[in-house]
Amino acid sequence: MPKNLFRPDPGFARGPGFAHGEVPAVGVLMAILGTPDAPTPSAVRRYLRQFLGDPRVIEVSRPVWWLILNLFVLPFRPKKSAALYASVWTDEGSPLLVISRKQQAAVAKELEARYGTSVHVALGATYGNPSMRSALDELLSKGCRRILLLPMFSHYSSTSTGAAYDALARELATLRWLPELRTVCQFHDDPSYIDALAASVRERWQAEGEPDMLVMSFHGVPQRYLENGDPYHCQCQKTGRLLAEALGLADERWQVTFQSLFGKEEWIKPYTDETLQAMARSGIRKVDVICPGFAADCLETLEEIEEENRHLFLDAGGEQFRYIPALNDRPDHIAALCGVIDRNLGGWTVSPETYDQQAIEAEAEASRTRGEALRTCPAHADGGYGADTSDPR
């Protein structure tokens, strides 16, 4: 009989194995959509191939979409997109990644203050780097046996939150010893999140005055995704209503819109660009635009909204256009995120006040001693049946 007949499947070889005395920790995996590694056509092409190749994002027959993607999209779009990325790129790198790293550090600092060093935070991207695999491996290397996935999307969509779940699941499928897992689905109506949005608007208005209209622009999705059951559109509308109520706005002073269309099919409406142009033509002279669905400023906010849509509004007759930045690493945003994390970690953590390090270390040492004794006993050494290797029956 071949010696390697029962060799373990290498597909389950990843991840640390069990170790007696290990003190389990808790991990929070903050998941972002992703960004190219550089504002170059080649880097953007790699990113778009992964992003647009995901059936969660583009729900089209795979053979048909493969032809469209490889013959009509990837040969041409990366060069144009790279120029747009270059217009917002910073000395530190991609705005999305730079801000997300700051959010990660701030959340980690706050959780350490609440729970000590038993909770770790990692950042992973559904597409590109840092990869979901690297984030998972980072948490596992720190002894995290319980992991909370926090997609950085306040509103659930199959194209964003669902895709993040899939990305993590693919990596979990390569592990022999799976950690316990919890996931955050959405927090679009979380009171602290709404309060942080409202505070960011009030700060602008107190400093510079109020506009005629507040436009709340969310990333769009195809209309058929809504018709097929995706809750994203309704959640965006609820966030808009709650934000307007928090600001005390009359119905005629705010509008929910959707941006970032791709392809030729109908997307959920109204479209941000068309709405802003129509507002200017109707006599509305001053607008503020906020993008509540973006946790961090990125290409879609810094270039598409603050640059492209600004020009559309002003060219159509508007006089004042102001973009209100994403919540980014504002303290109230970090507090809101930590509140969401707290609720989802229920039962997994203890406060520093009740965390008895000496007792934990004593139990860990006792476990290691028992494990060593088990490894050296005859029953363990010969498979549990003593020296007799005949059929135990």
Foldseek 3Di string as FASTA:
>chain_A
DDPCPPPDDQLAVDFDDDAFLQDAFEEEEEEEADDFQALALVSQLQQCCQLVLDCLAPVDPNVVVVCCCVPPNSVPPSHVSSVLQVVQADPVGFQVVVLVVVLQVLLQVVVCQWFNPRYHYFYAHLTDPPHLLVRVRVNRVVRHLEYEYEYLFQFAGSSGQVSVVVRNVVNQSSHPRHGHYHYDRHNLPPPLLLVLVLVLVVVCCVVPNDFQAEEAEEAKGAPVSVVVPTCRVVSQVVSQVSNCVVNVHDPNRYYYAHEDDDDDGHIDDDHPLVVLLVCQLVPRAEYEYEHSRDQTDGSCQVPVPPPVSVCSNVVSHHHYYHYRGHSRNPPSSSVSVSVVVVVRCVPVGDTPVPDDPVVSSVSSVVRNVVVVVLCPDQCNVVVRPHPDPPDPD
